[in-house]
N, C-alpha and C. Protein backbone atom coordinates (compact mmCIF):
# COMPACT_ATOMS: atom_id res chain seq x y z
N MET A 1 0.81 -1.19 0.00
CA MET A 1 0.00 0.00 0.00
C MET A 1 0.86 1.26 0.00
N ILE A 2 1.90 1.30 0.81
CA ILE A 2 2.75 2.49 0.90
C ILE A 2 4.05 2.21 0.15
N ASP A 3 4.44 3.13 -0.71
CA ASP A 3 5.67 2.99 -1.48
C ASP A 3 6.89 3.35 -0.66
N HIS A 4 6.83 4.45 0.08
CA HIS A 4 7.94 4.85 0.93
C HIS A 4 7.44 5.83 1.99
N LEU A 5 8.28 6.06 2.99
CA LEU A 5 7.95 6.94 4.09
C LEU A 5 9.20 7.73 4.48
N ASN A 6 9.03 9.02 4.76
CA ASN A 6 10.13 9.84 5.24
C ASN A 6 9.81 10.30 6.66
N LEU A 7 10.74 10.09 7.56
CA LEU A 7 10.59 10.42 8.97
C LEU A 7 11.33 11.73 9.26
N PRO A 8 10.69 12.71 9.91
CA PRO A 8 11.39 13.96 10.21
C PRO A 8 12.42 13.77 11.33
N VAL A 9 13.58 14.41 11.16
CA VAL A 9 14.65 14.36 12.16
C VAL A 9 15.23 15.76 12.35
N SER A 10 15.88 15.96 13.48
CA SER A 10 16.45 17.28 13.77
C SER A 10 17.89 17.41 13.29
N ASP A 11 18.65 16.32 13.25
CA ASP A 11 20.06 16.35 12.86
C ASP A 11 20.28 15.25 11.82
N LEU A 12 20.38 15.62 10.56
CA LEU A 12 20.44 14.64 9.48
C LEU A 12 21.66 13.73 9.58
N ALA A 13 22.83 14.27 9.80
CA ALA A 13 24.05 13.45 9.85
C ALA A 13 24.00 12.46 11.01
N ARG A 14 23.59 12.93 12.17
CA ARG A 14 23.51 12.05 13.35
C ARG A 14 22.48 10.95 13.12
N SER A 15 21.33 11.30 12.57
CA SER A 15 20.29 10.31 12.32
C SER A 15 20.67 9.35 11.20
N GLN A 16 21.40 9.84 10.19
CA GLN A 16 21.86 8.96 9.12
C GLN A 16 22.76 7.87 9.70
N ALA A 17 23.71 8.24 10.55
CA ALA A 17 24.61 7.25 11.16
C ALA A 17 23.81 6.25 11.99
N PHE A 18 22.83 6.74 12.75
CA PHE A 18 21.99 5.87 13.57
C PHE A 18 21.24 4.86 12.70
N TYR A 19 20.54 5.33 11.68
CA TYR A 19 19.73 4.43 10.85
C TYR A 19 20.58 3.51 9.99
N GLU A 20 21.76 3.94 9.57
CA GLU A 20 22.65 3.02 8.86
C GLU A 20 22.98 1.83 9.75
N ALA A 21 23.27 2.10 11.03
CA ALA A 21 23.63 1.03 11.96
C ALA A 21 22.46 0.11 12.29
N VAL A 22 21.28 0.68 12.55
CA VAL A 22 20.17 -0.17 13.00
C VAL A 22 19.45 -0.87 11.86
N LEU A 23 19.54 -0.35 10.64
CA LEU A 23 18.87 -0.99 9.52
C LEU A 23 19.73 -2.05 8.84
N ALA A 24 21.04 -2.00 9.04
CA ALA A 24 21.93 -2.99 8.43
C ALA A 24 21.56 -4.42 8.82
N PRO A 25 21.28 -4.72 10.10
CA PRO A 25 20.91 -6.10 10.45
C PRO A 25 19.62 -6.56 9.76
N LEU A 26 18.77 -5.62 9.32
CA LEU A 26 17.51 -5.97 8.68
C LEU A 26 17.64 -6.05 7.16
N GLY A 27 18.86 -5.83 6.67
CA GLY A 27 19.12 -5.95 5.24
C GLY A 27 18.92 -4.68 4.43
N TYR A 28 18.77 -3.54 5.11
CA TYR A 28 18.60 -2.27 4.41
C TYR A 28 19.93 -1.51 4.40
N GLN A 29 20.14 -0.76 3.34
CA GLN A 29 21.37 0.02 3.23
C GLN A 29 21.05 1.43 2.75
N LEU A 30 22.01 2.31 2.88
CA LEU A 30 21.87 3.67 2.38
C LEU A 30 21.62 3.60 0.88
N PHE A 31 20.56 4.25 0.43
CA PHE A 31 20.19 4.16 -0.97
C PHE A 31 20.49 5.45 -1.73
N GLY A 32 20.36 6.59 -1.07
CA GLY A 32 20.65 7.83 -1.77
C GLY A 32 20.35 9.04 -0.92
N LYS A 33 20.73 10.21 -1.45
CA LYS A 33 20.50 11.49 -0.79
C LYS A 33 19.80 12.42 -1.76
N ASP A 34 18.96 13.29 -1.20
CA ASP A 34 18.26 14.28 -2.01
C ASP A 34 18.06 15.52 -1.14
N GLY A 35 18.97 16.48 -1.24
CA GLY A 35 18.88 17.68 -0.42
C GLY A 35 18.99 17.36 1.06
N ASP A 36 17.95 17.68 1.82
CA ASP A 36 17.93 17.43 3.26
C ASP A 36 17.30 16.09 3.60
N ALA A 37 17.30 15.15 2.65
CA ALA A 37 16.72 13.82 2.87
C ALA A 37 17.74 12.75 2.52
N VAL A 38 17.66 11.63 3.25
CA VAL A 38 18.51 10.46 3.02
C VAL A 38 17.59 9.26 2.96
N GLY A 39 17.79 8.38 1.98
CA GLY A 39 16.93 7.22 1.82
C GLY A 39 17.64 5.91 2.03
N PHE A 40 16.88 4.92 2.51
CA PHE A 40 17.37 3.58 2.76
C PHE A 40 16.44 2.58 2.08
N GLY A 41 16.97 1.42 1.75
CA GLY A 41 16.14 0.37 1.17
C GLY A 41 16.96 -0.83 0.80
N ARG A 42 16.29 -1.79 0.19
CA ARG A 42 16.96 -2.97 -0.34
C ARG A 42 17.18 -2.80 -1.84
N ASP A 43 16.12 -2.44 -2.56
CA ASP A 43 16.21 -2.26 -4.00
C ASP A 43 15.91 -0.83 -4.44
N THR A 44 15.22 -0.08 -3.59
CA THR A 44 14.83 1.28 -3.90
C THR A 44 14.64 2.05 -2.59
N TRP A 45 14.46 3.33 -2.69
CA TRP A 45 14.22 4.18 -1.52
C TRP A 45 12.88 3.78 -0.92
N ALA A 46 12.91 3.14 0.23
CA ALA A 46 11.69 2.67 0.89
C ALA A 46 11.43 3.44 2.18
N PHE A 47 12.51 3.85 2.84
CA PHE A 47 12.42 4.59 4.09
C PHE A 47 13.42 5.72 4.04
N GLY A 48 12.99 6.90 4.44
CA GLY A 48 13.90 8.03 4.43
C GLY A 48 13.80 8.85 5.70
N ILE A 49 14.81 9.66 5.90
CA ILE A 49 14.79 10.64 6.98
C ILE A 49 14.97 12.00 6.33
N ILE A 50 14.31 12.99 6.88
CA ILE A 50 14.39 14.33 6.30
C ILE A 50 14.54 15.34 7.43
N ARG A 51 15.53 16.21 7.28
CA ARG A 51 15.79 17.23 8.31
C ARG A 51 14.70 18.28 8.24
N THR A 52 14.22 18.65 9.42
CA THR A 52 13.21 19.70 9.52
C THR A 52 13.56 20.62 10.67
N ARG A 53 13.23 21.87 10.51
CA ARG A 53 13.49 22.85 11.57
C ARG A 53 12.28 22.98 12.49
N ASP A 54 11.15 22.51 12.03
CA ASP A 54 9.91 22.63 12.81
C ASP A 54 9.88 21.61 13.94
N SER A 55 8.96 21.81 14.86
CA SER A 55 8.73 20.85 15.92
C SER A 55 8.40 19.50 15.29
N ILE A 56 8.98 18.46 15.81
CA ILE A 56 8.82 17.13 15.22
C ILE A 56 7.80 16.33 16.02
N PRO A 57 6.67 15.96 15.40
CA PRO A 57 5.74 15.08 16.10
C PRO A 57 6.36 13.70 16.23
N LYS A 58 6.15 13.05 17.35
CA LYS A 58 6.71 11.71 17.56
C LYS A 58 5.86 10.69 16.82
N MET A 59 6.54 9.75 16.17
CA MET A 59 5.87 8.74 15.36
C MET A 59 6.27 7.35 15.82
N HIS A 60 5.49 6.37 15.41
CA HIS A 60 5.81 4.95 15.61
C HIS A 60 6.01 4.34 14.24
N LEU A 61 7.12 3.61 14.07
CA LEU A 61 7.44 2.98 12.80
C LEU A 61 8.00 1.59 13.08
N ALA A 62 7.46 0.58 12.43
CA ALA A 62 7.92 -0.81 12.62
C ALA A 62 8.53 -1.32 11.32
N PHE A 63 9.75 -1.84 11.42
CA PHE A 63 10.44 -2.44 10.29
C PHE A 63 10.30 -3.96 10.36
N ILE A 64 10.11 -4.60 9.21
CA ILE A 64 10.02 -6.05 9.14
C ILE A 64 11.41 -6.66 9.30
N ALA A 65 11.51 -7.64 10.16
CA ALA A 65 12.73 -8.44 10.29
C ALA A 65 12.40 -9.84 9.77
N ASP A 66 13.32 -10.44 9.06
CA ASP A 66 13.09 -11.78 8.52
C ASP A 66 13.28 -12.87 9.57
N THR A 67 14.10 -12.56 10.59
CA THR A 67 14.38 -13.56 11.63
C THR A 67 14.39 -12.89 13.01
N ARG A 68 14.25 -13.69 14.02
CA ARG A 68 14.33 -13.17 15.39
C ARG A 68 15.73 -12.66 15.73
N PRO A 69 16.79 -13.34 15.30
CA PRO A 69 18.12 -12.77 15.55
C PRO A 69 18.31 -11.38 14.94
N GLN A 70 17.67 -11.09 13.82
CA GLN A 70 17.75 -9.75 13.25
C GLN A 70 17.12 -8.73 14.19
N VAL A 71 16.04 -9.09 14.85
CA VAL A 71 15.42 -8.19 15.83
C VAL A 71 16.41 -7.90 16.96
N ASP A 72 17.07 -8.95 17.45
CA ASP A 72 18.08 -8.78 18.50
C ASP A 72 19.21 -7.87 18.05
N GLN A 73 19.69 -8.07 16.82
CA GLN A 73 20.79 -7.26 16.28
C GLN A 73 20.37 -5.81 16.11
N PHE A 74 19.14 -5.59 15.63
CA PHE A 74 18.59 -4.24 15.51
C PHE A 74 18.61 -3.55 16.87
N PHE A 75 18.13 -4.23 17.89
CA PHE A 75 18.04 -3.67 19.24
C PHE A 75 19.43 -3.32 19.77
N ASP A 76 20.38 -4.25 19.62
CA ASP A 76 21.75 -4.01 20.10
C ASP A 76 22.39 -2.83 19.36
N ALA A 77 22.21 -2.77 18.04
CA ALA A 77 22.78 -1.67 17.26
C ALA A 77 22.15 -0.34 17.65
N ALA A 78 20.86 -0.35 17.91
CA ALA A 78 20.17 0.89 18.29
C ALA A 78 20.70 1.41 19.62
N LEU A 79 20.82 0.54 20.61
CA LEU A 79 21.33 0.99 21.91
C LEU A 79 22.77 1.45 21.81
N ALA A 80 23.56 0.78 20.98
CA ALA A 80 24.97 1.15 20.82
C ALA A 80 25.15 2.50 20.12
N THR A 81 24.13 2.95 19.39
CA THR A 81 24.25 4.21 18.67
C THR A 81 23.38 5.32 19.27
N GLY A 82 22.96 5.15 20.52
CA GLY A 82 22.32 6.24 21.22
C GLY A 82 20.83 6.17 21.44
N ALA A 83 20.17 5.12 20.96
CA ALA A 83 18.74 4.98 21.21
C ALA A 83 18.49 4.59 22.66
N ARG A 84 17.26 4.82 23.09
CA ARG A 84 16.85 4.40 24.44
C ARG A 84 15.93 3.19 24.33
N ASN A 85 16.10 2.27 25.25
CA ASN A 85 15.29 1.06 25.32
C ASN A 85 13.83 1.45 25.55
N ASN A 86 12.95 0.95 24.69
CA ASN A 86 11.51 1.16 24.86
C ASN A 86 10.76 -0.17 24.85
N GLY A 87 11.50 -1.26 25.02
CA GLY A 87 10.93 -2.60 25.05
C GLY A 87 11.89 -3.59 24.42
N PRO A 88 12.58 -4.40 25.23
CA PRO A 88 13.60 -5.32 24.71
C PRO A 88 12.98 -6.42 23.84
N PRO A 89 13.83 -7.11 23.07
CA PRO A 89 13.33 -8.18 22.21
C PRO A 89 12.65 -9.29 23.02
N ARG A 90 11.43 -9.63 22.60
CA ARG A 90 10.70 -10.72 23.23
C ARG A 90 9.42 -10.97 22.45
N ILE A 91 8.79 -12.10 22.76
CA ILE A 91 7.48 -12.41 22.19
C ILE A 91 6.45 -11.50 22.85
N ARG A 92 5.54 -11.00 22.03
CA ARG A 92 4.44 -10.16 22.52
C ARG A 92 3.13 -10.82 22.10
N PRO A 93 2.69 -11.82 22.89
CA PRO A 93 1.53 -12.62 22.49
C PRO A 93 0.22 -11.83 22.44
N ASN A 94 0.18 -10.67 23.09
CA ASN A 94 -1.03 -9.86 23.03
C ASN A 94 -1.23 -9.27 21.63
N TYR A 95 -0.16 -9.21 20.80
CA TYR A 95 -0.27 -8.74 19.42
C TYR A 95 -0.54 -9.91 18.48
N ASP A 96 0.22 -11.00 18.68
CA ASP A 96 0.15 -12.17 17.81
C ASP A 96 1.00 -13.25 18.49
N PRO A 97 0.64 -14.54 18.35
CA PRO A 97 1.42 -15.58 19.03
C PRO A 97 2.89 -15.63 18.64
N ASN A 98 3.23 -15.19 17.43
CA ASN A 98 4.62 -15.21 16.97
C ASN A 98 5.23 -13.82 16.86
N TYR A 99 4.63 -12.83 17.49
CA TYR A 99 5.09 -11.44 17.36
C TYR A 99 6.33 -11.24 18.23
N TYR A 100 7.51 -11.31 17.60
CA TYR A 100 8.78 -11.11 18.30
C TYR A 100 9.29 -9.74 17.90
N ALA A 101 9.39 -8.83 18.86
CA ALA A 101 9.72 -7.45 18.52
C ALA A 101 10.58 -6.80 19.59
N ALA A 102 11.24 -5.72 19.17
CA ALA A 102 12.00 -4.85 20.06
C ALA A 102 11.65 -3.42 19.70
N PHE A 103 11.60 -2.56 20.72
CA PHE A 103 11.26 -1.16 20.54
C PHE A 103 12.36 -0.28 21.11
N VAL A 104 12.68 0.78 20.38
CA VAL A 104 13.62 1.78 20.88
C VAL A 104 13.07 3.17 20.58
N LEU A 105 13.54 4.14 21.35
CA LEU A 105 13.27 5.54 21.04
C LEU A 105 14.51 6.06 20.34
N ASP A 106 14.34 6.52 19.09
CA ASP A 106 15.50 6.97 18.33
C ASP A 106 16.00 8.31 18.87
N LEU A 107 16.93 8.93 18.17
CA LEU A 107 17.59 10.13 18.65
C LEU A 107 16.66 11.33 18.76
N ASP A 108 15.50 11.27 18.08
CA ASP A 108 14.50 12.33 18.17
C ASP A 108 13.27 11.91 18.99
N GLY A 109 13.31 10.72 19.57
CA GLY A 109 12.20 10.26 20.40
C GLY A 109 11.12 9.49 19.66
N HIS A 110 11.36 9.17 18.38
CA HIS A 110 10.40 8.35 17.64
C HIS A 110 10.48 6.91 18.16
N ASN A 111 9.34 6.24 18.25
CA ASN A 111 9.26 4.85 18.69
C ASN A 111 9.51 3.95 17.47
N ILE A 112 10.70 3.37 17.40
CA ILE A 112 11.11 2.56 16.27
C ILE A 112 11.16 1.09 16.70
N GLU A 113 10.59 0.25 15.87
CA GLU A 113 10.44 -1.18 16.20
C GLU A 113 10.98 -2.03 15.08
N ALA A 114 11.51 -3.20 15.45
CA ALA A 114 11.78 -4.26 14.48
C ALA A 114 10.94 -5.44 14.92
N VAL A 115 10.24 -6.08 13.97
CA VAL A 115 9.34 -7.18 14.31
C VAL A 115 9.48 -8.32 13.33
N CYS A 116 9.49 -9.52 13.89
CA CYS A 116 9.46 -10.75 13.12
C CYS A 116 8.19 -11.50 13.54
N ARG A 117 7.35 -11.83 12.58
CA ARG A 117 6.08 -12.52 12.88
C ARG A 117 6.16 -14.01 12.56
N LYS A 118 7.36 -14.50 12.28
CA LYS A 118 7.54 -15.90 11.92
C LYS A 118 7.81 -16.74 13.17
N ALA A 119 7.37 -17.98 13.12
CA ALA A 119 7.67 -18.92 14.21
C ALA A 119 9.16 -19.23 14.19
N PRO A 120 9.72 -19.52 15.35
CA PRO A 120 11.17 -19.81 15.38
C PRO A 120 11.51 -21.07 14.62
């Protein structure tokens, strides 16, 4: 349904380094730059960050992980690059019996998640 999404950030360089680190375990890489925006993806720009001077509303964004270890790696990379723990990797049966996810607050306070819905 959605082709791509751009998340507002306050410091483009700092956020680029953060998202390069946390998206790598999920198979995403830096895809390109366009002015005050940076895009990530596997084959095309699927997720981007864009610098804004305005007040940034906090958002929730969940990235698909193919495996549970990728969720763990995402979480570890996020904490190592300055994110705050907002829910460590674990099964969340209230969402789905196989919902294995981790949540962090990124450098701007956005609630960023990696989730694997596959059985182990």
